[in-house]
Amino acid sequence: MRNILIIGAGRSASSLIKYLLDKSEKEQLQLTIADLSLELAEKKANNHKNARAIEFDIFNEKQRHEEIQKATIIISMLPAHMHIEVAKDCITYKKHMVTASYISPAMQELDDLAKENGLVLMNEIGLDPGIDHMSAMKVIDEIRDNGGKIMLFESFCGGLVAPESDNNLWNYKFTWNPRNVVLAGQGGAAKFIQEGTYKYIPYNKLFRRTEFLEIEGYGRFEGYANRDSLKYRSVYKLDNALTVYRGTIRRVGYSRAWDILVQLGMTDDSYIIENSEEMTYREFTNSFLPYHPTDTVEIKLRHAQKIDQDDIIWDKLLELDIFNGNKKVELKNATPAQILEKILSEKWTLQPEDKDMIVMYHKFGYEINGEKKQIDSTMVCIGDDQTYTAMAKTVGLPVAIAAIKILNGEIKTPGVQLPIAKEVYIPILKELEEYGVLFNETEKEYMGYNPLNVSS
């Protein structure tokens, strides 16, 4: 039996663990499911004869070394900053490793050692990053193999609520870490290149500069720019492309309403609100508004943000209950962002019967034989339930498939890598189709941003 050590049994590990358990007989696998919560690990093990659940503390060096030594391959589903100690141990004990997280500078430094030891340290093989890399490289390589030259690449991804569970005015519920949603876009200007011109969007303008996109059968969406699209020029070998733009998908209207919360200061995570635990939601909202002897909090907010009373944005704010004078924050020494997260969690948490939805959209503009063409590639994945969500499926399945293919010697290029090689993406994308993660590629008339080739 080959032992796979899975560190972290959170929400995104559900489909990953089920896939490996389903394959355990055929592939001769023994799973060790390790989590700080033994109860959670046992729940995911589901009394399967080929699974062992253990209570596991990543900071317990002795236990970590013992379990990594026993394993044939390690899957780390820990938060991104915790992978590095596991990766170093994998080098020491000569074990392959798979994670869904971005390659950190510290991880990249292990590249030479991984190559020297013939080890695959596969990263960025979840959803985004992951499926986005693989599906994009598939089309980019096909265009290049046919003699085409890429001029434009756009890529958008979003975790949303499925249409049948979409029942609030924001057309949004939390399908991932709520804190990441509240802090989205912070930490530097969004950077991309559009028609050969570098563009920058500071955080305070981010949610008012959106792109619109149409997905057949699902309607219209909007996308706001991710923080750094420029690094993908070299990753995808698109250094000569005129446009490289990556963004996050939401339903139309979300960003304009979210911008109100940004402009008020509610998403700020840099300072603590005094006496926050005793504060009501109404007092929290009022704390960002100027004093007025007679105007209500509602009137002050409408005036400050120039919101008409018949604007749908006003109804969206009312729906969040931010003017409630009875509900208390009940968070001690909380930042504005932490308080906002609590308020939103009461309204945007998926209910037991709700389903989530992943939407991915790529646009490729290219030139071949003197003719400009365009391919749109779209993927929509709906979750099964609250355990096997679309997010768990799209994050976990590529990780699990990659782990088996590394074990079986089908993926063998050593080093710290991401899934942009044909030996990785071709078989994984093919198998993902069996699980409903399927891309629809259509040829379109090339539009670009600047078909008349005027100054931008």
Protein backbone atom coordinates (compact mmCIF):
# COMPACT_ATOMS: atom_id res chain seq x y z
CA MET A 1 0.00 0.00 0.00
CA ARG A 2 1.16 3.54 -0.80
CA ASN A 3 0.56 6.02 1.98
CA ILE A 4 -0.77 9.49 1.12
CA LEU A 5 -0.51 11.98 3.98
CA ILE A 6 -3.19 14.68 3.69
CA ILE A 7 -2.47 17.59 6.04
CA GLY A 8 -5.64 19.65 6.56
CA ALA A 9 -9.17 18.29 6.36
CA GLY A 10 -11.12 21.54 5.93
CA ARG A 11 -13.94 22.32 3.52
CA SER A 12 -11.78 22.23 0.41
CA ALA A 13 -10.53 18.71 1.24
CA SER A 14 -13.94 16.95 0.98
CA SER A 15 -13.87 16.04 -2.71
CA LEU A 16 -10.12 15.44 -2.60
CA ILE A 17 -10.45 12.81 0.16
CA LYS A 18 -13.52 11.15 -1.39
CA TYR A 19 -11.75 10.84 -4.75
CA LEU A 20 -8.69 9.20 -3.19
CA LEU A 21 -10.77 6.84 -1.03
CA ASP A 22 -12.81 5.83 -4.08
CA LYS A 23 -9.53 5.02 -5.89
CA SER A 24 -7.82 3.44 -2.87
CA GLU A 25 -8.50 -0.21 -3.77
CA LYS A 26 -7.48 0.07 -7.41
CA GLU A 27 -4.47 2.30 -6.71
CA GLN A 28 -3.40 0.52 -3.49
CA LEU A 29 -3.67 3.64 -1.37
CA GLN A 30 -3.68 4.11 2.39
CA LEU A 31 -4.74 7.62 3.44
CA THR A 32 -3.58 9.36 6.60
CA ILE A 33 -5.93 12.30 7.18
CA ALA A 34 -4.25 14.72 9.56
CA ASP A 35 -5.93 17.74 11.11
CA LEU A 36 -5.76 19.82 14.29
CA SER A 37 -9.34 18.63 14.83
CA LEU A 38 -9.45 14.83 15.22
CA GLU A 39 -13.24 15.00 14.92
CA LEU A 40 -12.99 16.70 11.52
CA ALA A 41 -10.35 14.21 10.30
CA GLU A 42 -12.53 11.27 11.43
CA LYS A 43 -15.56 12.74 9.71
CA LYS A 44 -13.65 12.98 6.40
CA ALA A 45 -12.22 9.46 6.87
CA ASN A 46 -15.81 8.20 7.16
CA ASN A 47 -14.74 4.87 8.74
CA HIS A 48 -13.16 3.79 5.46
CA LYS A 49 -10.86 0.78 5.86
CA ASN A 50 -8.11 2.52 3.88
CA ALA A 51 -8.18 5.74 5.91
CA ARG A 52 -6.55 6.65 9.21
CA ALA A 53 -7.56 9.89 10.97
CA ILE A 54 -5.09 11.55 13.32
CA GLU A 55 -4.95 14.69 15.42
CA PHE A 56 -2.05 16.62 13.92
CA ASP A 57 -0.25 19.80 14.93
CA ILE A 58 1.91 21.18 12.14
CA PHE A 59 4.15 22.84 14.77
CA ASN A 60 4.84 19.51 16.51
CA GLU A 61 8.13 18.85 14.74
CA LYS A 62 8.54 15.27 16.00
CA GLN A 63 5.06 14.23 14.87
CA ARG A 64 5.46 16.04 11.54
CA HIS A 65 8.73 14.27 10.79
CA GLU A 66 7.33 10.88 11.75
CA GLU A 67 4.25 11.17 9.55
CA ILE A 68 6.13 12.59 6.55
CA GLN A 69 8.70 9.78 6.78
CA LYS A 70 5.91 7.18 6.71
CA ALA A 71 4.22 8.69 3.64
CA THR A 72 4.88 8.09 -0.05
CA ILE A 73 3.54 11.51 -1.06
CA ILE A 74 2.29 14.51 0.93
CA ILE A 75 -0.72 16.68 0.12
CA SER A 76 -0.73 19.94 2.08
CA MET A 77 -4.10 21.67 2.34
CA LEU A 78 -2.80 24.04 5.02
CA PRO A 79 -2.98 27.84 4.75
CA ALA A 80 -0.36 28.98 2.23
CA HIS A 81 2.17 30.34 4.75
CA MET A 82 2.38 26.95 6.51
CA HIS A 83 3.49 24.87 3.51
CA ILE A 84 7.17 25.72 3.68
CA GLU A 85 8.10 23.62 6.75
CA VAL A 86 6.32 20.64 5.20
CA ALA A 87 8.15 21.24 1.91
CA LYS A 88 11.55 21.34 3.66
CA ASP A 89 10.76 18.03 5.36
CA CYS A 90 9.75 16.58 2.01
CA ILE A 91 13.20 17.47 0.66
CA THR A 92 14.88 15.94 3.74
CA TYR A 93 12.93 12.68 3.56
CA LYS A 94 12.76 12.60 -0.26
CA LYS A 95 8.98 12.79 -0.66
CA HIS A 96 6.89 14.33 -3.43
CA MET A 97 4.43 17.05 -2.41
CA VAL A 98 1.28 18.67 -3.82
CA THR A 99 -0.39 21.94 -2.74
CA ALA A 100 -3.10 24.18 -4.19
CA SER A 101 -1.37 27.41 -3.11
CA TYR A 102 0.65 30.03 -4.96
CA ILE A 103 4.40 29.42 -5.11
CA SER A 104 5.94 31.63 -2.42
CA PRO A 105 9.52 32.97 -2.72
CA ALA A 106 10.52 30.56 0.08
CA MET A 107 9.02 27.62 -1.84
CA GLN A 108 10.75 28.68 -5.06
CA GLU A 109 14.09 28.59 -3.24
CA LEU A 110 13.68 24.81 -2.86
CA ASP A 111 13.61 24.30 -6.63
CA ASP A 112 17.27 23.27 -7.03
CA LEU A 113 17.12 20.86 -4.08
CA ALA A 114 13.91 19.30 -5.41
CA LYS A 115 15.55 18.76 -8.80
CA GLU A 116 18.72 17.31 -7.26
CA ASN A 117 16.57 14.78 -5.38
CA GLY A 118 14.25 14.02 -8.30
CA LEU A 119 11.23 15.32 -6.38
CA VAL A 120 8.06 16.89 -7.74
CA LEU A 121 6.84 19.79 -5.55
CA MET A 122 3.64 20.63 -7.42
CA ASN A 123 1.94 23.89 -6.42
CA GLU A 124 -0.89 26.06 -7.76
CA ILE A 125 -3.00 23.06 -8.77
CA GLY A 126 -6.34 23.91 -7.22
CA LEU A 127 -8.95 26.13 -8.86
CA ASP A 128 -7.43 29.60 -9.10
CA PRO A 129 -4.51 29.05 -9.18
CA GLY A 130 -4.75 25.67 -10.87
CA ILE A 131 -7.55 24.91 -13.27
CA ASP A 132 -7.10 28.44 -14.63
CA HIS A 133 -3.44 27.67 -15.49
CA MET A 134 -4.23 24.32 -17.09
CA SER A 135 -7.23 25.42 -19.16
CA ALA A 136 -5.44 28.57 -20.32
CA MET A 137 -2.22 26.77 -21.30
CA LYS A 138 -4.19 24.14 -23.23
CA VAL A 139 -5.63 26.79 -25.58
CA ILE A 140 -2.44 28.90 -25.69
CA ASP A 141 -0.34 25.86 -26.65
CA GLU A 142 -2.88 24.79 -29.30
CA ILE A 143 -2.83 28.27 -30.86
CA ARG A 144 0.99 28.32 -30.86
CA ASP A 145 1.26 24.74 -32.20
CA ASN A 146 -0.88 25.86 -35.15
CA GLY A 147 1.41 28.83 -35.84
CA GLY A 148 -0.70 31.49 -34.14
CA LYS A 149 0.54 34.47 -32.12
CA ILE A 150 -1.28 35.50 -28.92
CA MET A 151 -2.22 39.19 -28.78
CA LEU A 152 -4.77 39.18 -25.95
CA PHE A 153 -5.36 37.04 -22.87
CA GLU A 154 -8.05 37.71 -20.28
CA SER A 155 -8.97 35.35 -17.46
CA PHE A 156 -11.70 35.67 -14.82
CA CYS A 157 -12.79 33.34 -12.03
CA GLY A 158 -15.33 33.59 -9.24
CA GLY A 159 -16.90 31.54 -6.47
CA LEU A 160 -20.60 32.45 -6.47
CA VAL A 161 -23.95 31.11 -5.38
CA ALA A 162 -25.83 28.80 -7.78
CA PRO A 163 -28.85 30.35 -9.55
CA GLU A 164 -31.34 28.20 -7.61
CA SER A 165 -29.86 29.45 -4.30
CA ASP A 166 -29.43 33.08 -5.36
CA ASN A 167 -31.97 34.84 -3.15
CA ASN A 168 -30.40 38.07 -1.91
CA LEU A 169 -30.04 41.45 -3.60
CA TRP A 170 -26.25 41.15 -3.81
CA ASN A 171 -26.51 37.88 -5.79
CA TYR A 172 -23.65 36.66 -3.60
CA LYS A 173 -22.94 34.35 -0.66
CA PHE A 174 -19.68 33.23 0.93
CA THR A 175 -18.32 30.12 -0.75
CA TRP A 176 -14.77 30.56 0.55
CA ASN A 177 -12.99 32.33 3.38
CA PRO A 178 -15.15 35.40 4.23
CA ARG A 179 -12.11 37.36 5.42
CA ASN A 180 -10.52 37.06 1.97
CA VAL A 181 -13.69 38.48 0.41
CA VAL A 182 -13.72 41.48 2.78
CA LEU A 183 -10.03 42.21 2.15
CA ALA A 184 -10.15 41.53 -1.61
CA GLY A 185 -8.08 43.95 -3.68
CA GLN A 186 -6.08 45.39 -0.79
CA GLY A 187 -2.30 45.41 -0.55
CA GLY A 188 -1.36 47.33 -3.68
CA ALA A 189 -2.73 48.62 -6.96
CA ALA A 190 -4.12 46.24 -9.57
CA LYS A 191 -1.60 46.02 -12.45
CA PHE A 192 -2.21 44.80 -15.99
CA ILE A 193 -1.46 45.63 -19.60
CA GLN A 194 -4.16 46.63 -22.09
CA GLU A 195 -3.46 47.13 -25.78
CA GLY A 196 0.24 47.62 -25.06
CA THR A 197 -0.29 50.20 -22.31
CA TYR A 198 0.39 49.48 -18.63
CA LYS A 199 -2.65 50.20 -16.47
CA TYR A 200 -2.96 50.61 -12.70
CA ILE A 201 -6.07 50.75 -10.51
CA PRO A 202 -5.62 51.82 -6.86
CA TYR A 203 -7.77 50.03 -4.27
CA ASN A 204 -10.09 53.00 -3.78
CA LYS A 205 -11.03 52.86 -7.51
CA LEU A 206 -10.94 49.09 -8.04
CA PHE A 207 -14.64 48.30 -7.76
CA ARG A 208 -15.69 51.09 -10.12
CA ARG A 209 -13.61 49.77 -13.04
CA THR A 210 -15.25 46.54 -14.11
CA GLU A 211 -15.39 44.45 -17.29
CA PHE A 212 -18.60 42.75 -18.40
CA LEU A 213 -18.79 39.19 -19.66
CA GLU A 214 -21.54 36.90 -20.86
CA ILE A 215 -21.72 33.16 -20.09
CA GLU A 216 -24.19 31.23 -22.22
CA GLY A 217 -27.03 29.85 -20.12
CA TYR A 218 -26.04 31.87 -17.04
CA GLY A 219 -26.32 35.47 -18.18
CA ARG A 220 -24.18 38.51 -17.55
CA PHE A 221 -21.37 38.89 -15.03
CA GLU A 222 -18.83 41.55 -14.13
CA GLY A 223 -15.15 41.24 -13.32
CA TYR A 224 -12.82 43.48 -11.33
CA ALA A 225 -9.05 43.35 -11.79
CA ASN A 226 -6.84 41.08 -9.70
CA ARG A 227 -3.87 42.63 -7.97
CA ASP A 228 -1.06 41.58 -10.30
CA SER A 229 -1.80 40.29 -13.79
CA LEU A 230 1.66 41.19 -15.08
CA LYS A 231 3.46 38.23 -13.51
CA TYR A 232 1.45 35.89 -15.75
CA ARG A 233 3.06 37.33 -18.86
CA SER A 234 6.23 35.37 -18.15
CA VAL A 235 4.43 32.33 -16.66
CA TYR A 236 2.39 31.84 -19.84
CA LYS A 237 5.17 33.18 -22.12
CA LEU A 238 2.97 36.11 -23.16
CA ASP A 239 5.66 38.80 -22.97
CA ASN A 240 4.69 40.09 -26.42
CA ALA A 241 0.92 40.00 -25.84
CA LEU A 242 -0.69 43.45 -25.96
CA THR A 243 -3.30 42.61 -23.30
CA VAL A 244 -2.93 40.44 -20.19
CA TYR A 245 -5.70 40.95 -17.64
CA ARG A 246 -6.90 38.68 -14.84
CA GLY A 247 -9.90 39.37 -12.65
CA THR A 248 -12.53 38.16 -10.20
CA ILE A 249 -16.12 37.42 -11.28
CA ARG A 250 -19.25 38.72 -9.55
CA ARG A 251 -22.83 39.25 -10.67
CA VAL A 252 -23.48 42.65 -12.26
CA GLY A 253 -24.08 45.35 -9.64
CA TYR A 254 -22.10 43.74 -6.83
CA SER A 255 -18.98 45.86 -7.29
CA ARG A 256 -20.80 49.21 -7.38
CA ALA A 257 -22.52 48.39 -4.08
CA TRP A 258 -19.36 46.95 -2.51
CA ASP A 259 -17.55 50.18 -3.38
CA ILE A 260 -19.84 52.03 -0.94
CA LEU A 261 -18.49 49.87 1.91
CA VAL A 262 -14.92 50.52 0.71
CA GLN A 263 -15.45 54.28 0.51
CA LEU A 264 -17.01 54.36 3.98
CA GLY A 265 -13.92 52.61 5.40
CA MET A 266 -15.63 49.41 6.53
CA THR A 267 -13.10 47.12 4.79
CA ASP A 268 -10.10 48.67 6.57
CA ASP A 269 -8.11 46.14 8.61
CA SER A 270 -5.33 48.44 9.79
CA TYR A 271 -6.71 49.76 13.12
CA ILE A 272 -8.93 48.74 16.02
CA ILE A 273 -12.32 50.29 16.82
CA GLU A 274 -12.57 51.41 20.44
CA ASN A 275 -15.18 49.63 22.58
CA SER A 276 -16.16 47.53 19.57
CA GLU A 277 -17.80 44.75 21.60
CA GLU A 278 -20.43 47.13 22.99
CA MET A 279 -21.08 48.89 19.70
CA THR A 280 -24.33 48.31 17.76
CA TYR A 281 -24.37 47.83 13.99
CA ARG A 282 -25.92 51.28 13.69
CA GLU A 283 -23.17 52.86 15.80
CA PHE A 284 -20.55 51.06 13.70
CA THR A 285 -22.02 52.56 10.52
CA ASN A 286 -22.36 55.98 12.13
CA SER A 287 -18.71 55.94 13.22
CA PHE A 288 -17.67 56.51 9.58
CA LEU A 289 -20.05 59.46 9.06
CA PRO A 290 -19.80 63.13 10.04
CA TYR A 291 -21.71 64.47 13.03
CA HIS A 292 -25.03 66.20 12.34
CA PRO A 293 -27.42 67.53 15.03
CA THR A 294 -30.61 66.39 13.27
CA ASP A 295 -29.90 64.07 10.32
CA THR A 296 -30.32 60.33 10.83
CA VAL A 297 -27.54 57.83 10.10
CA GLU A 298 -29.44 56.77 6.97
CA ILE A 299 -29.67 60.34 5.62
CA LYS A 300 -26.02 61.05 6.41
CA LEU A 301 -24.87 57.91 4.58
CA ARG A 302 -27.04 58.66 1.54
CA HIS A 303 -25.71 62.21 1.37
CA ALA A 304 -22.08 61.17 1.90
CA GLN A 305 -22.19 58.49 -0.79
CA LYS A 306 -24.69 60.26 -3.08
CA ILE A 307 -27.19 57.38 -3.08
CA ASP A 308 -30.73 58.12 -4.23
CA GLN A 309 -33.47 56.52 -2.14
CA ASP A 310 -34.75 54.58 -5.17
CA ASP A 311 -31.28 53.26 -6.05
CA ILE A 312 -30.99 49.45 -5.71
CA ILE A 313 -27.74 50.06 -3.81
CA TRP A 314 -29.78 51.52 -0.97
CA ASP A 315 -31.89 48.35 -0.78
CA LYS A 316 -28.70 46.26 -0.74
CA LEU A 317 -27.35 48.23 2.23
CA LEU A 318 -30.66 47.91 4.08
CA GLU A 319 -30.57 44.16 3.46
CA LEU A 320 -27.25 43.93 5.34
CA ASP A 321 -28.91 45.33 8.49
CA ILE A 322 -26.11 47.87 9.04
CA PHE A 323 -28.58 50.38 10.53
CA ASN A 324 -29.82 48.02 13.25
CA GLY A 325 -29.62 49.77 16.64
CA ASN A 326 -30.27 46.62 18.68
CA LYS A 327 -27.73 44.13 17.32
CA LYS A 328 -24.32 44.37 18.98
CA VAL A 329 -20.97 43.69 17.33
CA GLU A 330 -19.78 41.58 20.30
CA LEU A 331 -16.19 41.45 19.01
CA LYS A 332 -13.50 42.80 21.31
CA ASN A 333 -10.73 45.00 19.84
CA ALA A 334 -12.04 44.42 16.33
CA THR A 335 -10.95 46.14 13.13
CA PRO A 336 -13.60 47.58 10.77
CA ALA A 337 -12.98 44.66 8.39
CA GLN A 338 -13.56 42.09 11.17
CA ILE A 339 -16.83 43.76 12.15
CA LEU A 340 -17.98 43.92 8.54
CA GLU A 341 -17.13 40.23 8.12
CA LYS A 342 -19.36 39.38 11.10
CA ILE A 343 -22.23 41.46 9.74
CA LEU A 344 -21.96 39.90 6.27
CA SER A 345 -21.65 36.36 7.64
CA GLU A 346 -25.14 36.68 9.09
CA LYS A 347 -26.55 37.44 5.65
CA TRP A 348 -24.24 35.70 3.18
CA THR A 349 -23.58 32.30 4.75
CA LEU A 350 -24.73 29.41 2.56
CA GLN A 351 -27.76 27.68 4.07
CA PRO A 352 -27.83 23.85 4.37
CA GLU A 353 -29.91 23.51 1.20
CA ASP A 354 -27.87 26.05 -0.80
CA LYS A 355 -25.51 25.17 -3.64
CA ASP A 356 -22.47 27.13 -4.77
CA MET A 357 -21.20 27.78 -8.28
CA ILE A 358 -17.76 28.30 -9.82
CA VAL A 359 -17.53 30.37 -13.00
CA MET A 360 -14.36 30.65 -15.09
CA TYR A 361 -13.94 32.60 -18.31
CA HIS A 362 -10.91 32.98 -20.60
CA LYS A 363 -10.65 35.13 -23.70
CA PHE A 364 -7.82 34.54 -26.21
CA GLY A 365 -7.16 36.96 -29.06
CA TYR A 366 -4.62 35.78 -31.62
CA GLU A 367 -3.32 36.27 -35.13
CA ILE A 368 -2.79 33.44 -37.60
CA ASN A 369 -1.99 33.67 -41.31
CA GLY A 370 -2.56 37.43 -41.15
CA GLU A 371 -6.08 37.01 -39.73
CA LYS A 372 -7.19 38.03 -36.23
CA LYS A 373 -9.30 35.49 -34.31
CA GLN A 374 -10.74 34.97 -30.85
CA ILE A 375 -11.58 31.97 -28.67
CA ASP A 376 -13.77 32.22 -25.57
CA SER A 377 -13.44 29.37 -23.07
CA THR A 378 -15.97 29.07 -20.23
CA MET A 379 -16.58 26.67 -17.36
CA VAL A 380 -19.46 26.57 -14.89
CA CYS A 381 -19.50 24.03 -12.06
CA ILE A 382 -22.42 23.68 -9.61
CA GLY A 383 -21.91 22.10 -6.19
CA ASP A 384 -23.74 18.93 -5.13
CA ASP A 385 -24.41 19.99 -1.52
CA GLN A 386 -22.73 21.68 1.44
CA THR A 387 -20.05 18.98 1.74
CA TYR A 388 -19.20 18.42 -1.90
CA THR A 389 -19.36 22.03 -2.98
CA ALA A 390 -18.26 23.31 -6.38
CA MET A 391 -15.37 25.00 -4.56
CA ALA A 392 -14.29 21.74 -2.86
CA LYS A 393 -14.59 19.92 -6.18
CA THR A 394 -12.59 22.39 -8.25
CA VAL A 395 -9.90 22.95 -5.60
CA GLY A 396 -9.56 19.36 -4.39
CA LEU A 397 -9.95 17.17 -7.45
CA PRO A 398 -6.96 18.53 -9.45
CA VAL A 399 -4.79 18.11 -6.32
CA ALA A 400 -5.92 14.49 -5.88
CA ILE A 401 -5.53 13.60 -9.57
CA ALA A 402 -2.04 15.14 -9.66
CA ALA A 403 -0.99 13.19 -6.55
CA ILE A 404 -1.92 9.85 -8.15
CA LYS A 405 -0.27 10.76 -11.44
CA ILE A 406 2.93 11.69 -9.60
CA LEU A 407 2.77 8.40 -7.66
CA ASN A 408 2.32 6.47 -10.90
CA GLY A 409 5.20 8.24 -12.63
CA GLU A 410 2.98 9.95 -15.21
CA ILE A 411 4.02 13.38 -13.92
CA LYS A 412 7.74 13.16 -13.34
CA THR A 413 9.45 16.46 -14.18
CA PRO A 414 11.20 17.35 -10.89
CA GLY A 415 11.32 20.73 -9.19
CA VAL A 416 9.03 23.37 -7.70
CA GLN A 417 6.45 23.78 -10.39
CA LEU A 418 2.96 24.83 -11.42
CA PRO A 419 0.75 22.87 -13.85
CA ILE A 420 1.57 24.50 -17.19
CA ALA A 421 3.33 21.55 -18.89
CA LYS A 422 1.43 19.26 -21.26
CA GLU A 423 2.35 16.17 -19.22
CA VAL A 424 0.39 17.73 -16.35
CA TYR A 425 -2.57 19.59 -17.81
CA ILE A 426 -3.66 17.25 -20.62
CA PRO A 427 -4.46 14.17 -18.47
CA ILE A 428 -5.80 16.19 -15.52
CA LEU A 429 -8.20 18.30 -17.61
CA LYS A 430 -9.39 15.13 -19.36
CA GLU A 431 -10.18 13.41 -16.06
CA LEU A 432 -11.82 16.53 -14.59
CA GLU A 433 -14.39 16.37 -17.41
CA GLU A 434 -15.70 13.12 -15.86
CA TYR A 435 -16.55 15.12 -12.72
CA GLY A 436 -18.39 17.90 -14.52
CA VAL A 437 -15.48 20.35 -14.68
CA LEU A 438 -15.80 20.97 -18.39
CA PHE A 439 -14.69 23.87 -20.60
CA ASN A 440 -16.77 25.07 -23.54
CA GLU A 441 -14.55 26.65 -26.20
CA THR A 442 -16.14 28.78 -28.92
CA GLU A 443 -14.61 30.75 -31.77
CA LYS A 444 -15.73 34.36 -31.90
CA GLU A 445 -15.13 37.36 -34.10
CA TYR A 446 -12.03 39.12 -32.82
CA MET A 447 -12.99 42.30 -30.98
CA GLY A 448 -10.02 43.12 -28.75
CA TYR A 449 -10.14 46.54 -27.14
CA ASN A 450 -8.83 48.51 -30.03
CA PRO A 451 -9.90 47.08 -33.39
CA LEU A 452 -9.30 50.45 -35.10
CA ASN A 453 -5.75 50.53 -33.69
CA VAL A 454 -6.01 54.08 -32.34
CA SER A 455 -4.04 55.44 -29.37
CA SER A 456 -5.05 53.99 -25.98
